[in-house]
Amino acid sequence: MAELEVALVAADREVWSGTASMVIAKTADGDVGVMPGHQPIMSVLKPSVAVIKTVVDGAPGDVLRVALHGGFIAVDENRVSLLSEAAELASEIDVPRAEEALARARAGEFDRDSEAAAERAELRLRATGRATAQ
């Protein structure tokens, strides 16, 4: 079975690397699903939740959900690089803290940055599978 070598890198750290059967991400041109043999691409990533279907010892592994706060995707020869200013695996996200940040942002506690703070908190919650009510 062909596999992808995936590197998920944030500005301050390597978030995850390993093998995968598929990577799904939202680019400036729309959603892209990358599987082994995909044509080379380089595109801007929109802030969104990406999905990485991991492979462990040739068998399907965990499905990782990642809050990507923009960045770039590069695909070439079964290598996928996801580069982002900030990237958080769903398992790393502190849900109560994200919910608190969202409430504070909606209350306008961050002044002009409140809208951006709310969008970041909502993205984190979506990565964990939590819906956000307006």
N, C-alpha and C. Protein backbone atom coordinates (compact mmCIF):
# COMPACT_ATOMS: atom_id res chain seq x y z
N MET A 1 0.85 -1.18 0.00
CA MET A 1 0.00 0.00 0.00
C MET A 1 0.89 1.24 0.00
N ALA A 2 0.66 2.13 -0.93
CA ALA A 2 1.41 3.39 -0.98
C ALA A 2 0.98 4.28 0.19
N GLU A 3 1.94 5.05 0.67
CA GLU A 3 1.67 5.92 1.82
C GLU A 3 2.23 7.30 1.56
N LEU A 4 1.75 8.25 2.34
CA LEU A 4 2.25 9.61 2.33
C LEU A 4 3.16 9.82 3.53
N GLU A 5 4.23 10.55 3.34
CA GLU A 5 5.05 11.01 4.46
C GLU A 5 4.57 12.42 4.77
N VAL A 6 4.07 12.63 5.97
CA VAL A 6 3.46 13.90 6.33
C VAL A 6 4.26 14.60 7.43
N ALA A 7 4.45 15.90 7.25
CA ALA A 7 5.08 16.73 8.28
C ALA A 7 4.15 17.90 8.55
N LEU A 8 3.73 18.04 9.79
CA LEU A 8 2.87 19.14 10.23
C LEU A 8 3.72 20.02 11.13
N VAL A 9 4.01 21.23 10.66
CA VAL A 9 4.95 22.10 11.35
C VAL A 9 4.32 23.45 11.64
N ALA A 10 4.44 23.88 12.90
CA ALA A 10 4.02 25.22 13.30
C ALA A 10 5.28 26.08 13.41
N ALA A 11 5.09 27.37 13.57
CA ALA A 11 6.23 28.29 13.63
C ALA A 11 7.19 27.93 14.76
N ASP A 12 6.67 27.37 15.84
CA ASP A 12 7.51 27.12 17.01
C ASP A 12 7.86 25.66 17.26
N ARG A 13 7.32 24.72 16.42
CA ARG A 13 7.59 23.31 16.70
C ARG A 13 7.09 22.41 15.59
N GLU A 14 7.62 21.19 15.57
CA GLU A 14 7.04 20.17 14.71
C GLU A 14 5.88 19.56 15.50
N VAL A 15 4.68 19.69 14.98
CA VAL A 15 3.48 19.23 15.70
C VAL A 15 3.30 17.73 15.55
N TRP A 16 3.50 17.21 14.34
CA TRP A 16 3.33 15.78 14.10
C TRP A 16 4.04 15.43 12.79
N SER A 17 4.58 14.23 12.74
CA SER A 17 5.09 13.71 11.47
C SER A 17 4.89 12.20 11.50
N GLY A 18 4.67 11.66 10.32
CA GLY A 18 4.46 10.23 10.21
C GLY A 18 3.87 9.87 8.87
N THR A 19 3.34 8.66 8.79
CA THR A 19 2.76 8.20 7.53
C THR A 19 1.25 8.29 7.58
N ALA A 20 0.67 8.51 6.40
CA ALA A 20 -0.79 8.65 6.31
C ALA A 20 -1.26 8.10 4.97
N SER A 21 -2.53 7.77 4.92
CA SER A 21 -3.14 7.33 3.67
C SER A 21 -3.84 8.50 2.97
N MET A 22 -4.15 9.56 3.74
CA MET A 22 -4.85 10.70 3.16
C MET A 22 -4.71 11.91 4.07
N VAL A 23 -4.64 13.09 3.44
CA VAL A 23 -4.65 14.36 4.15
C VAL A 23 -5.72 15.23 3.48
N ILE A 24 -6.59 15.81 4.29
CA ILE A 24 -7.65 16.69 3.78
C ILE A 24 -7.43 18.06 4.41
N ALA A 25 -7.37 19.09 3.56
CA ALA A 25 -7.14 20.45 4.05
C ALA A 25 -7.91 21.44 3.20
N LYS A 26 -8.15 22.62 3.76
CA LYS A 26 -8.86 23.68 3.04
C LYS A 26 -7.85 24.69 2.55
N THR A 27 -7.77 24.83 1.22
CA THR A 27 -6.86 25.79 0.62
C THR A 27 -7.64 27.02 0.15
N ALA A 28 -6.91 28.00 -0.32
CA ALA A 28 -7.55 29.21 -0.85
C ALA A 28 -8.43 28.88 -2.05
N ASP A 29 -8.14 27.76 -2.74
CA ASP A 29 -8.92 27.35 -3.91
C ASP A 29 -10.01 26.34 -3.58
N GLY A 30 -10.14 25.95 -2.31
CA GLY A 30 -11.15 24.98 -1.91
C GLY A 30 -10.51 23.81 -1.19
N ASP A 31 -11.33 22.83 -0.84
CA ASP A 31 -10.84 21.64 -0.13
C ASP A 31 -9.98 20.79 -1.06
N VAL A 32 -8.94 20.20 -0.49
CA VAL A 32 -8.09 19.29 -1.25
C VAL A 32 -7.92 18.02 -0.44
N GLY A 33 -8.06 16.90 -1.11
CA GLY A 33 -7.79 15.60 -0.50
C GLY A 33 -6.56 15.02 -1.17
N VAL A 34 -5.53 14.76 -0.40
CA VAL A 34 -4.27 14.26 -0.95
C VAL A 34 -4.12 12.79 -0.59
N MET A 35 -3.92 11.98 -1.62
CA MET A 35 -3.66 10.54 -1.44
C MET A 35 -2.35 10.22 -2.14
N PRO A 36 -1.78 9.06 -1.89
CA PRO A 36 -0.54 8.70 -2.58
C PRO A 36 -0.69 8.84 -4.09
N GLY A 37 0.36 9.38 -4.72
CA GLY A 37 0.34 9.59 -6.16
C GLY A 37 -0.26 10.93 -6.59
N HIS A 38 -0.63 11.77 -5.63
CA HIS A 38 -1.23 13.07 -5.95
C HIS A 38 -0.23 13.93 -6.71
N GLN A 39 -0.75 14.71 -7.63
CA GLN A 39 0.13 15.61 -8.38
C GLN A 39 0.73 16.66 -7.44
N PRO A 40 1.90 17.18 -7.77
CA PRO A 40 2.51 18.21 -6.93
C PRO A 40 1.64 19.46 -6.86
N ILE A 41 1.53 20.01 -5.68
CA ILE A 41 0.82 21.28 -5.50
C ILE A 41 1.53 22.09 -4.41
N MET A 42 1.28 23.37 -4.45
CA MET A 42 1.66 24.26 -3.36
C MET A 42 0.53 25.28 -3.30
N SER A 43 -0.04 25.45 -2.11
CA SER A 43 -1.19 26.35 -1.98
C SER A 43 -1.24 26.96 -0.59
N VAL A 44 -1.95 28.05 -0.50
CA VAL A 44 -2.19 28.72 0.78
C VAL A 44 -3.29 27.96 1.52
N LEU A 45 -3.09 27.75 2.82
CA LEU A 45 -4.11 27.12 3.66
C LEU A 45 -4.97 28.19 4.31
N LYS A 46 -6.25 27.96 4.31
CA LYS A 46 -7.16 28.83 5.05
C LYS A 46 -7.25 28.33 6.49
N PRO A 47 -7.54 29.21 7.44
CA PRO A 47 -7.78 28.73 8.80
C PRO A 47 -8.93 27.71 8.76
N SER A 48 -8.65 26.51 9.23
CA SER A 48 -9.63 25.44 9.11
C SER A 48 -9.17 24.23 9.91
N VAL A 49 -10.01 23.21 9.89
CA VAL A 49 -9.67 21.93 10.50
C VAL A 49 -9.21 20.98 9.40
N ALA A 50 -7.99 20.51 9.51
CA ALA A 50 -7.45 19.52 8.57
C ALA A 50 -7.59 18.14 9.18
N VAL A 51 -7.63 17.13 8.32
CA VAL A 51 -7.75 15.74 8.76
C VAL A 51 -6.59 14.95 8.18
N ILE A 52 -5.94 14.17 9.04
CA ILE A 52 -4.85 13.29 8.62
C ILE A 52 -5.24 11.87 9.01
N LYS A 53 -5.38 11.00 8.00
CA LYS A 53 -5.70 9.60 8.24
C LYS A 53 -4.39 8.84 8.32
N THR A 54 -3.96 8.54 9.53
CA THR A 54 -2.64 7.96 9.74
C THR A 54 -2.60 6.48 9.37
N VAL A 55 -1.37 6.01 9.17
CA VAL A 55 -1.09 4.60 8.89
C VAL A 55 -0.03 4.15 9.89
N VAL A 56 -0.28 3.00 10.52
CA VAL A 56 0.68 2.43 11.47
C VAL A 56 0.98 1.01 11.03
N ASP A 57 2.23 0.73 10.74
CA ASP A 57 2.65 -0.60 10.29
C ASP A 57 1.79 -1.11 9.13
N GLY A 58 1.49 -0.22 8.19
CA GLY A 58 0.74 -0.60 7.00
C GLY A 58 -0.76 -0.70 7.17
N ALA A 59 -1.26 -0.48 8.38
CA ALA A 59 -2.70 -0.58 8.65
C ALA A 59 -3.25 0.80 9.03
N PRO A 60 -4.55 1.01 8.82
CA PRO A 60 -5.13 2.30 9.22
C PRO A 60 -4.91 2.57 10.70
N GLY A 61 -4.51 3.80 10.99
CA GLY A 61 -4.28 4.22 12.37
C GLY A 61 -5.32 5.24 12.79
N ASP A 62 -4.92 6.13 13.66
CA ASP A 62 -5.82 7.17 14.14
C ASP A 62 -6.13 8.17 13.04
N VAL A 63 -7.26 8.84 13.20
CA VAL A 63 -7.61 9.97 12.36
C VAL A 63 -7.37 11.22 13.20
N LEU A 64 -6.40 12.02 12.77
CA LEU A 64 -6.05 13.23 13.50
C LEU A 64 -6.81 14.42 12.94
N ARG A 65 -7.36 15.22 13.84
CA ARG A 65 -8.00 16.49 13.46
C ARG A 65 -7.10 17.59 13.98
N VAL A 66 -6.83 18.57 13.13
CA VAL A 66 -5.86 19.60 13.43
C VAL A 66 -6.45 20.98 13.17
N ALA A 67 -6.36 21.86 14.16
CA ALA A 67 -6.74 23.27 13.96
C ALA A 67 -5.55 23.96 13.31
N LEU A 68 -5.70 24.34 12.04
CA LEU A 68 -4.65 25.04 11.31
C LEU A 68 -5.03 26.51 11.20
N HIS A 69 -4.16 27.36 11.67
CA HIS A 69 -4.42 28.80 11.65
C HIS A 69 -3.72 29.42 10.45
N GLY A 70 -4.13 28.98 9.24
CA GLY A 70 -3.53 29.46 8.00
C GLY A 70 -2.23 28.74 7.72
N GLY A 71 -1.53 29.18 6.66
CA GLY A 71 -0.25 28.60 6.32
C GLY A 71 -0.19 28.16 4.88
N PHE A 72 0.59 27.09 4.64
CA PHE A 72 0.81 26.58 3.29
C PHE A 72 0.79 25.06 3.30
N ILE A 73 0.41 24.47 2.16
CA ILE A 73 0.54 23.04 1.95
C ILE A 73 1.40 22.83 0.71
N ALA A 74 2.30 21.88 0.81
CA ALA A 74 3.13 21.50 -0.33
C ALA A 74 3.07 19.98 -0.46
N VAL A 75 2.85 19.51 -1.69
CA VAL A 75 2.76 18.08 -1.97
C VAL A 75 3.70 17.77 -3.13
N ASP A 76 4.56 16.76 -2.94
CA ASP A 76 5.44 16.32 -4.02
C ASP A 76 5.98 14.94 -3.68
N GLU A 77 5.87 14.02 -4.64
CA GLU A 77 6.40 12.66 -4.51
C GLU A 77 5.99 11.98 -3.19
N ASN A 78 4.70 11.98 -2.91
CA ASN A 78 4.13 11.34 -1.72
C ASN A 78 4.62 11.94 -0.41
N ARG A 79 5.07 13.19 -0.46
CA ARG A 79 5.42 13.95 0.74
C ARG A 79 4.47 15.12 0.85
N VAL A 80 3.90 15.29 2.04
CA VAL A 80 2.98 16.40 2.30
C VAL A 80 3.55 17.21 3.45
N SER A 81 3.71 18.51 3.21
CA SER A 81 4.15 19.42 4.27
C SER A 81 3.03 20.41 4.54
N LEU A 82 2.60 20.46 5.78
CA LEU A 82 1.61 21.44 6.23
C LEU A 82 2.37 22.41 7.13
N LEU A 83 2.49 23.65 6.71
CA LEU A 83 3.25 24.66 7.44
C LEU A 83 2.29 25.75 7.87
N SER A 84 2.26 26.03 9.17
CA SER A 84 1.29 26.98 9.70
C SER A 84 1.92 27.81 10.80
N GLU A 85 1.42 29.04 10.94
CA GLU A 85 1.87 29.87 12.06
C GLU A 85 1.57 29.18 13.38
N ALA A 86 0.38 28.60 13.46
CA ALA A 86 -0.04 27.86 14.65
C ALA A 86 -0.86 26.66 14.20
N ALA A 87 -0.57 25.51 14.79
CA ALA A 87 -1.30 24.29 14.49
C ALA A 87 -1.45 23.52 15.78
N GLU A 88 -2.66 23.01 16.02
CA GLU A 88 -2.94 22.29 17.26
C GLU A 88 -3.70 21.01 16.96
N LEU A 89 -3.16 19.89 17.42
CA LEU A 89 -3.91 18.64 17.33
C LEU A 89 -5.11 18.74 18.25
N ALA A 90 -6.22 18.15 17.86
CA ALA A 90 -7.44 18.20 18.68
C ALA A 90 -7.16 17.68 20.09
N SER A 91 -6.30 16.66 20.19
CA SER A 91 -5.99 16.08 21.50
C SER A 91 -5.22 17.04 22.41
N GLU A 92 -4.62 18.08 21.86
CA GLU A 92 -3.86 19.06 22.64
C GLU A 92 -4.71 20.24 23.11
N ILE A 93 -5.90 20.37 22.57
CA ILE A 93 -6.71 21.55 22.84
C ILE A 93 -7.43 21.41 24.18
N ASP A 94 -7.30 22.41 25.00
CA ASP A 94 -7.98 22.49 26.30
C ASP A 94 -9.38 23.06 26.02
N VAL A 95 -10.38 22.20 25.98
CA VAL A 95 -11.74 22.60 25.60
C VAL A 95 -12.32 23.67 26.53
N PRO A 96 -12.27 23.50 27.85
CA PRO A 96 -12.82 24.55 28.72
C PRO A 96 -12.14 25.91 28.49
N ARG A 97 -10.84 25.88 28.27
CA ARG A 97 -10.12 27.14 28.03
C ARG A 97 -10.56 27.77 26.70
N ALA A 98 -10.74 26.95 25.66
CA ALA A 98 -11.20 27.46 24.37
C ALA A 98 -12.62 28.02 24.49
N GLU A 99 -13.48 27.34 25.25
CA GLU A 99 -14.84 27.84 25.46
C GLU A 99 -14.83 29.17 26.21
N GLU A 100 -13.96 29.29 27.20
CA GLU A 100 -13.83 30.54 27.95
C GLU A 100 -13.32 31.66 27.04
N ALA A 101 -12.33 31.36 26.21
CA ALA A 101 -11.79 32.36 25.28
C ALA A 101 -12.87 32.82 24.30
N LEU A 102 -13.69 31.89 23.84
CA LEU A 102 -14.77 32.24 22.92
C LEU A 102 -15.77 33.16 23.61
N ALA A 103 -16.16 32.83 24.83
CA ALA A 103 -17.12 33.67 25.57
C ALA A 103 -16.55 35.07 25.80
N ARG A 104 -15.28 35.14 26.17
CA ARG A 104 -14.65 36.45 26.40
C ARG A 104 -14.57 37.25 25.11
N ALA A 105 -14.25 36.58 24.00
CA ALA A 105 -14.16 37.27 22.72
C ALA A 105 -15.52 37.79 22.28
N ARG A 106 -16.55 36.97 22.46
CA ARG A 106 -17.90 37.40 22.08
C ARG A 106 -18.39 38.55 22.95
N ALA A 107 -17.86 38.65 24.17
CA ALA A 107 -18.22 39.75 25.06
C ALA A 107 -17.40 41.01 24.74
N GLY A 108 -16.48 40.91 23.80
CA GLY A 108 -15.71 42.07 23.38
C GLY A 108 -14.52 42.39 24.26
N GLU A 109 -14.08 41.45 25.07
CA GLU A 109 -12.98 41.71 26.00
C GLU A 109 -11.64 41.96 25.31
N PHE A 110 -11.53 41.62 24.03
CA PHE A 110 -10.26 41.80 23.33
C PHE A 110 -10.30 43.01 22.39
N ASP A 111 -11.25 43.90 22.62
CA ASP A 111 -11.40 45.12 21.82
C ASP A 111 -11.42 44.81 20.33
N ARG A 112 -10.53 45.44 19.57
CA ARG A 112 -10.53 45.25 18.11
C ARG A 112 -10.14 43.84 17.72
N ASP A 113 -9.48 43.11 18.60
CA ASP A 113 -9.05 41.75 18.30
C ASP A 113 -10.10 40.70 18.68
N SER A 114 -11.25 41.14 19.17
CA SER A 114 -12.27 40.20 19.63
C SER A 114 -12.78 39.28 18.53
N GLU A 115 -13.00 39.82 17.35
CA GLU A 115 -13.52 38.99 16.26
C GLU A 115 -12.50 37.91 15.87
N ALA A 116 -11.23 38.29 15.75
CA ALA A 116 -10.19 37.32 15.41
C ALA A 116 -10.02 36.29 16.52
N ALA A 117 -10.11 36.73 17.78
CA ALA A 117 -9.99 35.81 18.91
C ALA A 117 -11.15 34.81 18.91
N ALA A 118 -12.34 35.28 18.58
CA ALA A 118 -13.50 34.39 18.51
C ALA A 118 -13.31 33.35 17.39
N GLU A 119 -12.80 33.78 16.25
CA GLU A 119 -12.58 32.85 15.15
C GLU A 119 -11.55 31.78 15.53
N ARG A 120 -10.49 32.18 16.22
CA ARG A 120 -9.48 31.20 16.65
C ARG A 120 -10.07 30.20 17.64
N ALA A 121 -10.86 30.69 18.59
CA ALA A 121 -11.47 29.81 19.59
C ALA A 121 -12.48 28.86 18.93
N GLU A 122 -13.26 29.38 17.99
CA GLU A 122 -14.23 28.53 17.28
C GLU A 122 -13.52 27.44 16.49
N LEU A 123 -12.41 27.78 15.86
CA LEU A 123 -11.63 26.80 15.09
C LEU A 123 -11.12 25.69 16.02
N ARG A 124 -10.61 26.08 17.17
CA ARG A 124 -10.13 25.08 18.13
C ARG A 124 -11.25 24.14 18.55
N LEU A 125 -12.42 24.71 18.82
CA LEU A 125 -13.55 23.88 19.25
C LEU A 125 -14.04 22.97 18.12
N ARG A 126 -14.04 23.46 16.87
CA ARG A 126 -14.43 22.61 15.74
C ARG A 126 -13.46 21.44 15.59
N ALA A 127 -12.18 21.69 15.82
CA ALA A 127 -11.19 20.61 15.71
C ALA A 127 -11.47 19.49 16.71
N THR A 128 -12.01 19.85 17.87
CA THR A 128 -12.32 18.84 18.89
C THR A 128 -13.68 18.20 18.68
N GLY A 129 -14.41 18.67 17.66
CA GLY A 129 -15.74 18.13 17.40
C GLY A 129 -16.85 18.83 18.13
N ARG A 130 -16.51 19.91 18.84
CA ARG A 130 -17.52 20.67 19.58
C ARG A 130 -18.15 21.71 18.65
N ALA A 131 -19.46 21.78 18.65
CA ALA A 131 -20.16 22.80 17.87
C ALA A 131 -20.17 24.08 18.69
N THR A 132 -20.17 25.22 18.01
CA THR A 132 -20.24 26.50 18.71
C THR A 132 -21.54 27.18 18.33
N ALA A 133 -22.29 27.61 19.33
CA ALA A 133 -23.54 28.32 19.09
C ALA A 133 -23.24 29.81 19.05
N GLN A 134 -23.95 30.51 18.24
CA GLN A 134 -23.75 31.96 18.14
C GLN A 134 -24.38 32.69 19.28
